[in-house]
Amino acid sequence: MIRIAMILGLLAGPIAAQEATRGPGGVLRVLDKITGVVRDIELRTGEERRVGLLTIRLGECRFPTLNPSGDAYEQITVTYQGQEEPVFEGWIIASNPAISALEHPRYDVWALRCSTS
């Protein structure tokens, strides 16, 4: 068993980190699962917007430096009307929204891309 782990470790090698650039804002998509309405919203870093019963604040948006149209990573805080505690606070990834997703019975929110200017 140890031998297999050693071989796999040698084959996999180190993971190269991509250099990321902070964008001045980002674009998110919001789905209201009850009404079926989909809305794309563009936020600047630090800006918040109310969408339905949610308030979404964009903390930061990052993208691969060598591929501005590539994968976006957005740090967001989402609160639901009437609740003080956020229903979601963390990073969402455009290419894989299921890794870190807003789990809400009515809404889905996911990252689309960062603004580059």
PDB file of N, CA and C in Angstrom:
ATOM      1  N   MET A   1       0.827  -1.193   0.000  1.00  0.00           N
ATOM      2  CA  MET A   1       0.000   0.000   0.000  1.00  0.00           C
ATOM      3  C   MET A   1       0.869   1.254   0.000  1.00  0.00           C
ATOM      4  N   ILE A   2       1.907   1.263   0.824  1.00  0.00           N
ATOM      5  CA  ILE A   2       2.795   2.411   0.884  1.00  0.00           C
ATOM      6  C   ILE A   2       3.513   2.590  -0.445  1.00  0.00           C
ATOM      7  N   ARG A   3       3.889   1.496  -1.055  1.00  0.00           N
ATOM      8  CA  ARG A   3       4.595   1.550  -2.332  1.00  0.00           C
ATOM      9  C   ARG A   3       3.724   2.221  -3.415  1.00  0.00           C
ATOM     10  N   ILE A   4       2.437   1.892  -3.444  1.00  0.00           N
ATOM     11  CA  ILE A   4       1.513   2.503  -4.409  1.00  0.00           C
ATOM     12  C   ILE A   4       1.416   4.010  -4.163  1.00  0.00           C
ATOM     13  N   ALA A   5       1.308   4.401  -2.898  1.00  0.00           N
ATOM     14  CA  ALA A   5       1.226   5.819  -2.571  1.00  0.00           C
ATOM     15  C   ALA A   5       2.484   6.552  -3.008  1.00  0.00           C
ATOM     16  N   MET A   6       3.650   5.934  -2.828  1.00  0.00           N
ATOM     17  CA  MET A   6       4.908   6.552  -3.241  1.00  0.00           C
ATOM     18  C   MET A   6       4.953   6.706  -4.756  1.00  0.00           C
ATOM     19  N   ILE A   7       4.528   5.688  -5.478  1.00  0.00           N
ATOM     20  CA  ILE A   7       4.531   5.744  -6.940  1.00  0.00           C
ATOM     21  C   ILE A   7       3.570   6.830  -7.426  1.00  0.00           C
ATOM     22  N   LEU A   8       2.364   6.870  -6.837  1.00  0.00           N
ATOM     23  CA  LEU A   8       1.394   7.888  -7.236  1.00  0.00           C
ATOM     24  C   LEU A   8       1.917   9.282  -6.944  1.00  0.00           C
ATOM     25  N   GLY A   9       2.587   9.443  -5.826  1.00  0.00           N
ATOM     26  CA  GLY A   9       3.167  10.732  -5.472  1.00  0.00           C
ATOM     27  C   GLY A   9       4.217  11.165  -6.476  1.00  0.00           C
ATOM     28  N   LEU A  10       5.036  10.235  -6.931  1.00  0.00           N
ATOM     29  CA  LEU A  10       6.074  10.557  -7.910  1.00  0.00           C
ATOM     30  C   LEU A  10       5.468  10.894  -9.263  1.00  0.00           C
ATOM     31  N   LEU A  11       4.412  10.191  -9.634  1.00  0.00           N
ATOM     32  CA  LEU A  11       3.788  10.435 -10.930  1.00  0.00           C
ATOM     33  C   LEU A  11       3.026  11.761 -10.952  1.00  0.00           C
ATOM     34  N   ALA A  12       2.382  12.066  -9.842  1.00  0.00           N
ATOM     35  CA  ALA A  12       1.566  13.273  -9.804  1.00  0.00           C
ATOM     36  C   ALA A  12       2.426  14.527  -9.810  1.00  0.00           C
ATOM     37  N   GLY A  13       3.507  14.529  -9.078  1.00  0.00           N
ATOM     38  CA  GLY A  13       4.378  15.694  -9.008  1.00  0.00           C
ATOM     39  C   GLY A  13       3.684  16.858  -8.327  1.00  0.00           C
ATOM     40  N   PRO A  14       4.409  17.959  -8.146  1.00  0.00           N
ATOM     41  CA  PRO A  14       3.814  19.120  -7.477  1.00  0.00           C
ATOM     42  C   PRO A  14       2.808  19.820  -8.378  1.00  0.00           C
ATOM     43  N   ILE A  15       1.831  20.421  -7.764  1.00  0.00           N
ATOM     44  CA  ILE A  15       0.819  21.180  -8.501  1.00  0.00           C
ATOM     45  C   ILE A  15       1.327  22.611  -8.666  1.00  0.00           C
ATOM     46  N   ALA A  16       1.360  23.080  -9.883  1.00  0.00           N
ATOM     47  CA  ALA A  16       1.829  24.437 -10.157  1.00  0.00           C
ATOM     48  C   ALA A  16       0.716  25.421  -9.859  1.00  0.00           C
ATOM     49  N   ALA A  17       1.044  26.449  -9.103  1.00  0.00           N
ATOM     50  CA  ALA A  17       0.070  27.483  -8.781  1.00  0.00           C
ATOM     51  C   ALA A  17      -0.005  28.486  -9.922  1.00  0.00           C
ATOM     52  N   GLN A  18      -1.217  28.901 -10.235  1.00  0.00           N
ATOM     53  CA  GLN A  18      -1.399  29.926 -11.262  1.00  0.00           C
ATOM     54  C   GLN A  18      -1.344  31.295 -10.606  1.00  0.00           C
ATOM     55  N   GLU A  19      -0.733  32.238 -11.290  1.00  0.00           N
ATOM     56  CA  GLU A  19      -0.728  33.598 -10.792  1.00  0.00           C
ATOM     57  C   GLU A  19      -2.104  34.203 -11.057  1.00  0.00           C
ATOM     58  N   ALA A  20      -2.652  34.870 -10.052  1.00  0.00           N
ATOM     59  CA  ALA A  20      -3.987  35.453 -10.187  1.00  0.00           C
ATOM     60  C   ALA A  20      -3.923  36.966 -10.119  1.00  0.00           C
ATOM     61  N   THR A  21      -4.856  37.592 -10.811  1.00  0.00           N
ATOM     62  CA  THR A  21      -4.992  39.040 -10.828  1.00  0.00           C
ATOM     63  C   THR A  21      -6.354  39.395 -10.255  1.00  0.00           C
ATOM     64  N   ARG A  22      -6.389  40.452  -9.478  1.00  0.00           N
ATOM     65  CA  ARG A  22      -7.665  40.927  -8.934  1.00  0.00           C
ATOM     66  C   ARG A  22      -8.359  41.813  -9.957  1.00  0.00           C
ATOM     67  N   GLY A  23      -9.603  41.501 -10.201  1.00  0.00           N
ATOM     68  CA  GLY A  23     -10.409  42.337 -11.080  1.00  0.00           C
ATOM     69  C   GLY A  23     -11.117  43.408 -10.269  1.00  0.00           C
ATOM     70  N   PRO A  24     -11.512  44.497 -10.894  1.00  0.00           N
ATOM     71  CA  PRO A  24     -12.222  45.563 -10.176  1.00  0.00           C
ATOM     72  C   PRO A  24     -13.669  45.203  -9.835  1.00  0.00           C
ATOM     73  N   GLY A  25     -14.145  44.089 -10.356  1.00  0.00           N
ATOM     74  CA  GLY A  25     -15.521  43.669 -10.102  1.00  0.00           C
ATOM     75  C   GLY A  25     -15.758  42.309 -10.705  1.00  0.00           C
ATOM     76  N   GLY A  26     -17.010  41.876 -10.657  1.00  0.00           N
ATOM     77  CA  GLY A  26     -17.341  40.574 -11.200  1.00  0.00           C
ATOM     78  C   GLY A  26     -18.799  40.479 -11.592  1.00  0.00           C
ATOM     79  N   VAL A  27     -19.110  39.418 -12.315  1.00  0.00           N
ATOM     80  CA  VAL A  27     -20.480  39.166 -12.765  1.00  0.00           C
ATOM     81  C   VAL A  27     -20.948  37.862 -12.128  1.00  0.00           C
ATOM     82  N   LEU A  28     -22.134  37.903 -11.550  1.00  0.00           N
ATOM     83  CA  LEU A  28     -22.762  36.752 -10.913  1.00  0.00           C
ATOM     84  C   LEU A  28     -24.084  36.454 -11.587  1.00  0.00           C
ATOM     85  N   ARG A  29     -24.503  35.216 -11.542  1.00  0.00           N
ATOM     86  CA  ARG A  29     -25.813  34.822 -12.051  1.00  0.00           C
ATOM     87  C   ARG A  29     -26.645  34.338 -10.868  1.00  0.00           C
ATOM     88  N   VAL A  30     -27.883  34.811 -10.806  1.00  0.00           N
ATOM     89  CA  VAL A  30     -28.803  34.448  -9.724  1.00  0.00           C
ATOM     90  C   VAL A  30     -30.033  33.796 -10.335  1.00  0.00           C
ATOM     91  N   LEU A  31     -30.378  32.617  -9.836  1.00  0.00           N
ATOM     92  CA  LEU A  31     -31.576  31.901 -10.272  1.00  0.00           C
ATOM     93  C   LEU A  31     -32.566  31.843  -9.120  1.00  0.00           C
ATOM     94  N   ASP A  32     -33.782  32.320  -9.362  1.00  0.00           N
ATOM     95  CA  ASP A  32     -34.877  32.146  -8.415  1.00  0.00           C
ATOM     96  C   ASP A  32     -35.559  30.848  -8.813  1.00  0.00           C
ATOM     97  N   LYS A  33     -35.399  29.808  -8.011  1.00  0.00           N
ATOM     98  CA  LYS A  33     -35.901  28.476  -8.364  1.00  0.00           C
ATOM     99  C   LYS A  33     -37.428  28.379  -8.311  1.00  0.00           C
ATOM    100  N   ILE A  34     -38.080  29.323  -7.669  1.00  0.00           N
ATOM    101  CA  ILE A  34     -39.544  29.299  -7.611  1.00  0.00           C
ATOM    102  C   ILE A  34     -40.143  29.939  -8.862  1.00  0.00           C
ATOM    103  N   THR A  35     -39.627  31.099  -9.255  1.00  0.00           N
ATOM    104  CA  THR A  35     -40.184  31.802 -10.412  1.00  0.00           C
ATOM    105  C   THR A  35     -39.502  31.416 -11.721  1.00  0.00           C
ATOM    106  N   GLY A  36     -38.293  30.837 -11.625  1.00  0.00           N
ATOM    107  CA  GLY A  36     -37.543  30.487 -12.822  1.00  0.00           C
ATOM    108  C   GLY A  36     -36.805  31.664 -13.448  1.00  0.00           C
ATOM    109  N   VAL A  37     -36.820  32.812 -12.788  1.00  0.00           N
ATOM    110  CA  VAL A  37     -36.175  34.009 -13.309  1.00  0.00           C
ATOM    111  C   VAL A  37     -34.665  33.932 -13.056  1.00  0.00           C
ATOM    112  N   VAL A  38     -33.890  34.189 -14.122  1.00  0.00           N
ATOM    113  CA  VAL A  38     -32.426  34.222 -14.038  1.00  0.00           C
ATOM    114  C   VAL A  38     -31.975  35.650 -14.282  1.00  0.00           C
ATOM    115  N   ARG A  39     -31.105  36.149 -13.405  1.00  0.00           N
ATOM    116  CA  ARG A  39     -30.593  37.513 -13.563  1.00  0.00           C
ATOM    117  C   ARG A  39     -29.085  37.496 -13.438  1.00  0.00           C
ATOM    118  N   ASP A  40     -28.414  38.211 -14.335  1.00  0.00           N
ATOM    119  CA  ASP A  40     -26.981  38.427 -14.234  1.00  0.00           C
ATOM    120  C   ASP A  40     -26.776  39.809 -13.626  1.00  0.00           C
ATOM    121  N   ILE A  41     -25.913  39.870 -12.613  1.00  0.00           N
ATOM    122  CA  ILE A  41     -25.635  41.160 -11.983  1.00  0.00           C
ATOM    123  C   ILE A  41     -24.136  41.415 -11.999  1.00  0.00           C
ATOM    124  N   GLU A  42     -23.781  42.653 -12.269  1.00  0.00           N
ATOM    125  CA  GLU A  42     -22.378  43.054 -12.248  1.00  0.00           C
ATOM    126  C   GLU A  42     -22.159  43.929 -11.031  1.00  0.00           C
ATOM    127  N   LEU A  43     -21.170  43.561 -10.233  1.00  0.00           N
ATOM    128  CA  LEU A  43     -20.851  44.299  -9.020  1.00  0.00           C
ATOM    129  C   LEU A  43     -19.397  44.732  -9.046  1.00  0.00           C
ATOM    130  N   ARG A  44     -19.119  45.888  -8.512  1.00  0.00           N
ATOM    131  CA  ARG A  44     -17.750  46.325  -8.278  1.00  0.00           C
ATOM    132  C   ARG A  44     -17.310  45.756  -6.931  1.00  0.00           C
ATOM    133  N   THR A  45     -16.029  45.610  -6.729  1.00  0.00           N
ATOM    134  CA  THR A  45     -15.523  45.124  -5.454  1.00  0.00           C
ATOM    135  C   THR A  45     -16.024  46.027  -4.331  1.00  0.00           C
ATOM    136  N   GLY A  46     -16.598  45.414  -3.300  1.00  0.00           N
ATOM    137  CA  GLY A  46     -17.142  46.152  -2.167  1.00  0.00           C
ATOM    138  C   GLY A  46     -18.592  46.565  -2.327  1.00  0.00           C
ATOM    139  N   GLU A  47     -19.148  46.424  -3.507  1.00  0.00           N
ATOM    140  CA  GLU A  47     -20.532  46.826  -3.778  1.00  0.00           C
ATOM    141  C   GLU A  47     -21.486  45.698  -3.398  1.00  0.00           C
ATOM    142  N   GLU A  48     -22.691  46.075  -3.007  1.00  0.00           N
ATOM    143  CA  GLU A  48     -23.731  45.077  -2.754  1.00  0.00           C
ATOM    144  C   GLU A  48     -24.996  45.467  -3.490  1.00  0.00           C
ATOM    145  N   ARG A  49     -25.786  44.440  -3.794  1.00  0.00           N
ATOM    146  CA  ARG A  49     -27.019  44.659  -4.527  1.00  0.00           C
ATOM    147  C   ARG A  49     -28.073  43.684  -4.019  1.00  0.00           C
ATOM    148  N   ARG A  50     -29.292  44.176  -4.013  1.00  0.00           N
ATOM    149  CA  ARG A  50     -30.435  43.341  -3.629  1.00  0.00           C
ATOM    150  C   ARG A  50     -30.999  42.694  -4.884  1.00  0.00           C
ATOM    151  N   VAL A  51     -31.183  41.385  -4.824  1.00  0.00           N
ATOM    152  CA  VAL A  51     -31.767  40.616  -5.928  1.00  0.00           C
ATOM    153  C   VAL A  51     -32.836  39.731  -5.297  1.00  0.00           C
ATOM    154  N   GLY A  52     -34.090  40.017  -5.584  1.00  0.00           N
ATOM    155  CA  GLY A  52     -35.167  39.279  -4.930  1.00  0.00           C
ATOM    156  C   GLY A  52     -35.094  39.494  -3.430  1.00  0.00           C
ATOM    157  N   LEU A  53     -35.014  38.405  -2.668  1.00  0.00           N
ATOM    158  CA  LEU A  53     -34.938  38.486  -1.214  1.00  0.00           C
ATOM    159  C   LEU A  53     -33.503  38.364  -0.700  1.00  0.00           C
ATOM    160  N   LEU A  54     -32.535  38.388  -1.623  1.00  0.00           N
ATOM    161  CA  LEU A  54     -31.127  38.286  -1.254  1.00  0.00           C
ATOM    162  C   LEU A  54     -30.432  39.640  -1.366  1.00  0.00           C
ATOM    163  N   THR A  55     -29.421  39.834  -0.538  1.00  0.00           N
ATOM    164  CA  THR A  55     -28.488  40.937  -0.711  1.00  0.00           C
ATOM    165  C   THR A  55     -27.125  40.297  -0.912  1.00  0.00           C
ATOM    166  N   ILE A  56     -26.486  40.624  -2.033  1.00  0.00           N
ATOM    167  CA  ILE A  56     -25.211  40.013  -2.398  1.00  0.00           C
ATOM    168  C   ILE A  56     -24.139  41.082  -2.395  1.00  0.00           C
ATOM    169  N   ARG A  57     -23.043  40.793  -1.687  1.00  0.00           N
ATOM    170  CA  ARG A  57     -21.901  41.712  -1.623  1.00  0.00           C
ATOM    171  C   ARG A  57     -20.688  41.014  -2.211  1.00  0.00           C
ATOM    172  N   LEU A  58     -20.009  41.697  -3.139  1.00  0.00           N
ATOM    173  CA  LEU A  58     -18.786  41.164  -3.733  1.00  0.00           C
ATOM    174  C   LEU A  58     -17.590  41.695  -2.963  1.00  0.00           C
ATOM    175  N   GLY A  59     -16.835  40.771  -2.360  1.00  0.00           N
ATOM    176  CA  GLY A  59     -15.643  41.156  -1.624  1.00  0.00           C
ATOM    177  C   GLY A  59     -14.431  41.267  -2.528  1.00  0.00           C
ATOM    178  N   GLU A  60     -14.322  40.320  -3.471  1.00  0.00           N
ATOM    179  CA  GLU A  60     -13.150  40.289  -4.343  1.00  0.00           C
ATOM    180  C   GLU A  60     -13.409  39.356  -5.509  1.00  0.00           C
ATOM    181  N   CYS A  61     -12.742  39.622  -6.631  1.00  0.00           N
ATOM    182  CA  CYS A  61     -12.814  38.741  -7.792  1.00  0.00           C
ATOM    183  C   CYS A  61     -11.406  38.565  -8.340  1.00  0.00           C
ATOM    184  N   ARG A  62     -11.005  37.315  -8.554  1.00  0.00           N
ATOM    185  CA  ARG A  62      -9.674  37.006  -9.090  1.00  0.00           C
ATOM    186  C   ARG A  62      -9.820  36.134 -10.330  1.00  0.00           C
ATOM    187  N   PHE A  63      -8.834  36.271 -11.238  1.00  0.00           N
ATOM    188  CA  PHE A  63      -8.823  35.457 -12.455  1.00  0.00           C
ATOM    189  C   PHE A  63      -7.374  35.141 -12.809  1.00  0.00           C
ATOM    190  N   PRO A  64      -7.126  34.079 -13.594  1.00  0.00           N
ATOM    191  CA  PRO A  64      -5.754  33.746 -13.988  1.00  0.00           C
ATOM    192  C   PRO A  64      -5.131  34.894 -14.783  1.00  0.00           C
ATOM    193  N   THR A  65      -3.957  35.334 -14.371  1.00  0.00           N
ATOM    194  CA  THR A  65      -3.291  36.479 -14.999  1.00  0.00           C
ATOM    195  C   THR A  65      -3.090  36.274 -16.492  1.00  0.00           C
ATOM    196  N   LEU A  66      -2.689  35.091 -16.890  1.00  0.00           N
ATOM    197  CA  LEU A  66      -2.408  34.841 -18.304  1.00  0.00           C
ATOM    198  C   LEU A  66      -3.661  34.500 -19.115  1.00  0.00           C
ATOM    199  N   ASN A  67      -4.815  34.421 -18.450  1.00  0.00           N
ATOM    200  CA  ASN A  67      -6.051  34.072 -19.140  1.00  0.00           C
ATOM    201  C   ASN A  67      -7.214  34.855 -18.523  1.00  0.00           C
ATOM    202  N   PRO A  68      -7.331  36.162 -18.828  1.00  0.00           N
ATOM    203  CA  PRO A  68      -8.364  36.987 -18.211  1.00  0.00           C
ATOM    204  C   PRO A  68      -9.788  36.487 -18.421  1.00  0.00           C
ATOM    205  N   SER A  69     -10.023  35.777 -19.511  1.00  0.00           N
ATOM    206  CA  SER A  69     -11.376  35.260 -19.742  1.00  0.00           C
ATOM    207  C   SER A  69     -11.546  33.882 -19.102  1.00  0.00           C
ATOM    208  N   GLY A  70     -10.527  33.436 -18.393  1.00  0.00           N
ATOM    209  CA  GLY A  70     -10.561  32.115 -17.761  1.00  0.00           C
ATOM    210  C   GLY A  70     -11.358  32.102 -16.470  1.00  0.00           C
ATOM    211  N   ASP A  71     -11.065  31.151 -15.670  1.00  0.00           N
ATOM    212  CA  ASP A  71     -11.802  30.852 -14.456  1.00  0.00           C
ATOM    213  C   ASP A  71     -11.830  32.009 -13.463  1.00  0.00           C
ATOM    214  N   ALA A  72     -13.008  32.396 -13.023  1.00  0.00           N
ATOM    215  CA  ALA A  72     -13.167  33.450 -12.024  1.00  0.00           C
ATOM    216  C   ALA A  72     -13.357  32.837 -10.648  1.00  0.00           C
ATOM    217  N   TYR A  73     -12.773  33.492  -9.651  1.00  0.00           N
ATOM    218  CA  TYR A  73     -12.943  33.127  -8.247  1.00  0.00           C
ATOM    219  C   TYR A  73     -13.488  34.360  -7.557  1.00  0.00           C
ATOM    220  N   GLU A  74     -14.697  34.263  -7.010  1.00  0.00           N
ATOM    221  CA  GLU A  74     -15.324  35.437  -6.410  1.00  0.00           C
ATOM    222  C   GLU A  74     -15.641  35.177  -4.940  1.00  0.00           C
ATOM    223  N   GLN A  75     -15.247  36.140  -4.112  1.00  0.00           N
ATOM    224  CA  GLN A  75     -15.555  36.070  -2.686  1.00  0.00           C
ATOM    225  C   GLN A  75     -16.815  36.885  -2.474  1.00  0.00           C
ATOM    226  N   ILE A  76     -17.865  36.239  -1.981  1.00  0.00           N
ATOM    227  CA  ILE A  76     -19.146  36.924  -1.808  1.00  0.00           C
ATOM    228  C   ILE A  76     -19.715  36.670  -0.412  1.00  0.00           C
ATOM    229  N   THR A  77     -20.585  37.582  -0.020  1.00  0.00           N
ATOM    230  CA  THR A  77     -21.375  37.426   1.193  1.00  0.00           C
ATOM    231  C   THR A  77     -22.832  37.600   0.782  1.00  0.00           C
ATOM    232  N   VAL A  78     -23.675  36.631   1.159  1.00  0.00           N
ATOM    233  CA  VAL A  78     -25.088  36.661   0.780  1.00  0.00           C
ATOM    234  C   VAL A  78     -25.928  36.627   2.043  1.00  0.00           C
ATOM    235  N   THR A  79     -26.840  37.583   2.169  1.00  0.00           N
ATOM    236  CA  THR A  79     -27.787  37.580   3.281  1.00  0.00           C
ATOM    237  C   THR A  79     -29.199  37.473   2.721  1.00  0.00           C
ATOM    238  N   TYR A  80     -30.068  36.884   3.525  1.00  0.00           N
ATOM    239  CA  TYR A  80     -31.467  36.707   3.152  1.00  0.00           C
ATOM    240  C   TYR A  80     -32.296  37.718   3.928  1.00  0.00           C
ATOM    241  N   GLN A  81     -33.321  38.250   3.288  1.00  0.00           N
ATOM    242  CA  GLN A  81     -34.164  39.284   3.893  1.00  0.00           C
ATOM    243  C   GLN A  81     -34.600  38.891   5.304  1.00  0.00           C
ATOM    244  N   GLY A  82     -34.375  39.800   6.248  1.00  0.00           N
ATOM    245  CA  GLY A  82     -34.818  39.582   7.615  1.00  0.00           C
ATOM    246  C   GLY A  82     -33.848  38.793   8.487  1.00  0.00           C
ATOM    247  N   GLN A  83     -32.754  38.312   7.929  1.00  0.00           N
ATOM    248  CA  GLN A  83     -31.769  37.562   8.710  1.00  0.00           C
ATOM    249  C   GLN A  83     -30.486  38.367   8.821  1.00  0.00           C
ATOM    250  N   GLU A  84     -29.909  38.399  10.009  1.00  0.00           N
ATOM    251  CA  GLU A  84     -28.657  39.122  10.205  1.00  0.00           C
ATOM    252  C   GLU A  84     -27.456  38.303   9.764  1.00  0.00           C
ATOM    253  N   GLU A  85     -27.472  37.018  10.040  1.00  0.00           N
ATOM    254  CA  GLU A  85     -26.362  36.142   9.685  1.00  0.00           C
ATOM    255  C   GLU A  85     -26.400  35.815   8.195  1.00  0.00           C
ATOM    256  N   PRO A  86     -25.232  35.828   7.540  1.00  0.00           N
ATOM    257  CA  PRO A  86     -25.206  35.469   6.116  1.00  0.00           C
ATOM    258  C   PRO A  86     -25.656  34.022   5.886  1.00  0.00           C
ATOM    259  N   VAL A  87     -26.344  33.793   4.775  1.00  0.00           N
ATOM    260  CA  VAL A  87     -26.690  32.425   4.380  1.00  0.00           C
ATOM    261  C   VAL A  87     -25.530  31.804   3.615  1.00  0.00           C
ATOM    262  N   PHE A  88     -24.612  32.655   3.140  1.00  0.00           N
ATOM    263  CA  PHE A  88     -23.388  32.177   2.490  1.00  0.00           C
ATOM    264  C   PHE A  88     -22.323  33.240   2.640  1.00  0.00           C
ATOM    265  N   GLU A  89     -21.107  32.786   2.924  1.00  0.00           N
ATOM    266  CA  GLU A  89     -19.961  33.678   3.000  1.00  0.00           C
ATOM    267  C   GLU A  89     -18.742  32.862   2.607  1.00  0.00           C
ATOM    268  N   GLY A  90     -18.138  33.197   1.470  1.00  0.00           N
ATOM    269  CA  GLY A  90     -16.980  32.448   1.023  1.00  0.00           C
ATOM    270  C   GLY A  90     -16.693  32.668  -0.449  1.00  0.00           C
ATOM    271  N   TRP A  91     -15.849  31.787  -0.996  1.00  0.00           N
ATOM    272  CA  TRP A  91     -15.423  31.862  -2.393  1.00  0.00           C
ATOM    273  C   TRP A  91     -16.269  30.935  -3.248  1.00  0.00           C
ATOM    274  N   ILE A  92     -16.636  31.411  -4.428  1.00  0.00           N
ATOM    275  CA  ILE A  92     -17.291  30.565  -5.422  1.00  0.00           C
ATOM    276  C   ILE A  92     -16.418  30.573  -6.670  1.00  0.00           C
ATOM    277  N   ILE A  93     -16.416  29.456  -7.367  1.00  0.00           N
ATOM    278  CA  ILE A  93     -15.536  29.265  -8.515  1.00  0.00           C
ATOM    279  C   ILE A  93     -16.387  29.075  -9.764  1.00  0.00           C
ATOM    280  N   ALA A  94     -16.121  29.877 -10.775  1.00  0.00           N
ATOM    281  CA  ALA A  94     -16.952  29.854 -11.985  1.00  0.00           C
ATOM    282  C   ALA A  94     -16.961  28.490 -12.656  1.00  0.00           C
ATOM    283  N   SER A  95     -15.812  27.833 -12.743  1.00  0.00           N
ATOM    284  CA  SER A  95     -15.741  26.565 -13.473  1.00  0.00           C
ATOM    285  C   SER A  95     -16.327  25.393 -12.689  1.00  0.00           C
ATOM    286  N   ASN A  96     -16.510  25.548 -11.390  1.00  0.00           N
ATOM    287  CA  ASN A  96     -17.014  24.442 -10.586  1.00  0.00           C
ATOM    288  C   ASN A  96     -17.854  24.968  -9.428  1.00  0.00           C
ATOM    289  N   PRO A  97     -19.057  25.454  -9.719  1.00  0.00           N
ATOM    290  CA  PRO A  97     -19.874  26.063  -8.671  1.00  0.00           C
ATOM    291  C   PRO A  97     -20.298  25.095  -7.569  1.00  0.00           C
ATOM    292  N   ALA A  98     -20.253  23.809  -7.821  1.00  0.00           N
ATOM    293  CA  ALA A  98     -20.680  22.840  -6.802  1.00  0.00           C
ATOM    294  C   ALA A  98     -19.666  22.681  -5.680  1.00  0.00           C
ATOM    295  N   ILE A  99     -18.411  23.070  -5.900  1.00  0.00           N
ATOM    296  CA  ILE A  99     -17.394  22.931  -4.856  1.00  0.00           C
ATOM    297  C   ILE A  99     -17.757  23.775  -3.643  1.00  0.00           C
ATOM    298  N   SER A 100     -18.158  24.981  -3.858  1.00  0.00           N
ATOM    299  CA  SER A 100     -18.507  25.885  -2.771  1.00  0.00           C
ATOM    300  C   SER A 100     -19.725  26.675  -3.231  1.00  0.00           C
ATOM    301  N   ALA A 101     -20.888  26.173  -2.917  1.00  0.00           N
ATOM    302  CA  ALA A 101     -22.104  26.766  -3.473  1.00  0.00           C
ATOM    303  C   ALA A 101     -23.033  27.277  -2.378  1.00  0.00           C
ATOM    304  N   LEU A 102     -23.831  28.247  -2.757  1.00  0.00           N
ATOM    305  CA  LEU A 102     -24.907  28.705  -1.891  1.00  0.00           C
ATOM    306  C   LEU A 102     -25.954  27.603  -1.848  1.00  0.00           C
ATOM    307  N   GLU A 103     -26.243  27.108  -0.659  1.00  0.00           N
ATOM    308  CA  GLU A 103     -27.278  26.080  -0.510  1.00  0.00           C
ATOM    309  C   GLU A 103     -28.503  26.745   0.083  1.00  0.00           C
ATOM    310  N   HIS A 104     -29.426  27.086  -0.768  1.00  0.00           N
ATOM    311  CA  HIS A 104     -30.632  27.789  -0.343  1.00  0.00           C
ATOM    312  C   HIS A 104     -31.828  27.162  -1.043  1.00  0.00           C
ATOM    313  N   PRO A 105     -32.967  27.014  -0.356  1.00  0.00           N
ATOM    314  CA  PRO A 105     -34.121  26.372  -0.993  1.00  0.00           C
ATOM    315  C   PRO A 105     -34.715  27.157  -2.162  1.00  0.00           C
ATOM    316  N   ARG A 106     -34.485  28.466  -2.191  1.00  0.00           N
ATOM    317  CA  ARG A 106     -35.097  29.261  -3.256  1.00  0.00           C
ATOM    318  C   ARG A 106     -34.108  29.767  -4.307  1.00  0.00           C
ATOM    319  N   TYR A 107     -32.869  30.042  -3.920  1.00  0.00           N
ATOM    320  CA  TYR A 107     -31.938  30.709  -4.831  1.00  0.00           C
ATOM    321  C   TYR A 107     -30.674  29.897  -5.088  1.00  0.00           C
ATOM    322  N   ASP A 108     -30.162  30.030  -6.307  1.00  0.00           N
ATOM    323  CA  ASP A 108     -28.823  29.585  -6.666  1.00  0.00           C
ATOM    324  C   ASP A 108     -28.061  30.828  -7.107  1.00  0.00           C
ATOM    325  N   VAL A 109     -26.797  30.929  -6.691  1.00  0.00           N
ATOM    326  CA  VAL A 109     -25.935  32.037  -7.095  1.00  0.00           C
ATOM    327  C   VAL A 109     -24.619  31.441  -7.529  1.00  0.00           C
ATOM    328  N   TRP A 110     -24.117  31.847  -8.704  1.00  0.00           N
ATOM    329  CA  TRP A 110     -22.808  31.360  -9.126  1.00  0.00           C
ATOM    330  C   TRP A 110     -22.047  32.433  -9.871  1.00  0.00           C
ATOM    331  N   ALA A 111     -20.721  32.295  -9.875  1.00  0.00           N
ATOM    332  CA  ALA A 111     -19.819  33.234 -10.534  1.00  0.00           C
ATOM    333  C   ALA A 111     -19.796  32.979 -12.026  1.00  0.00           C
ATOM    334  N   LEU A 112     -19.721  34.058 -12.807  1.00  0.00           N
ATOM    335  CA  LEU A 112     -19.561  33.932 -14.254  1.00  0.00           C
ATOM    336  C   LEU A 112     -18.170  34.372 -14.698  1.00  0.00           C
ATOM    337  N   ARG A 113     -17.779  35.589 -14.311  1.00  0.00           N
ATOM    338  CA  ARG A 113     -16.482  36.112 -14.743  1.00  0.00           C
ATOM    339  C   ARG A 113     -16.141  37.359 -13.924  1.00  0.00           C
ATOM    340  N   CYS A 114     -14.875  37.745 -14.017  1.00  0.00           N
ATOM    341  CA  CYS A 114     -14.408  38.984 -13.392  1.00  0.00           C
ATOM    342  C   CYS A 114     -14.397  40.091 -14.445  1.00  0.00           C
ATOM    343  N   SER A 115     -14.527  41.306 -13.986  1.00  0.00           N
ATOM    344  CA  SER A 115     -14.327  42.468 -14.851  1.00  0.00           C
ATOM    345  C   SER A 115     -12.821  42.673 -14.959  1.00  0.00           C
ATOM    346  N   THR A 116     -12.357  43.101 -16.110  1.00  0.00           N
ATOM    347  CA  THR A 116     -10.924  43.338 -16.283  1.00  0.00           C
ATOM    348  C   THR A 116     -10.593  44.813 -16.391  1.00  0.00           C
ATOM    349  N   SER A 117     -11.611  45.654 -16.432  1.00  0.00           N
ATOM    350  CA  SER A 117     -11.343  47.103 -16.484  1.00  0.00           C
ATOM    351  C   SER A 117     -12.418  47.871 -15.740  1.00  0.00           C
TER     352      SER A 117
END
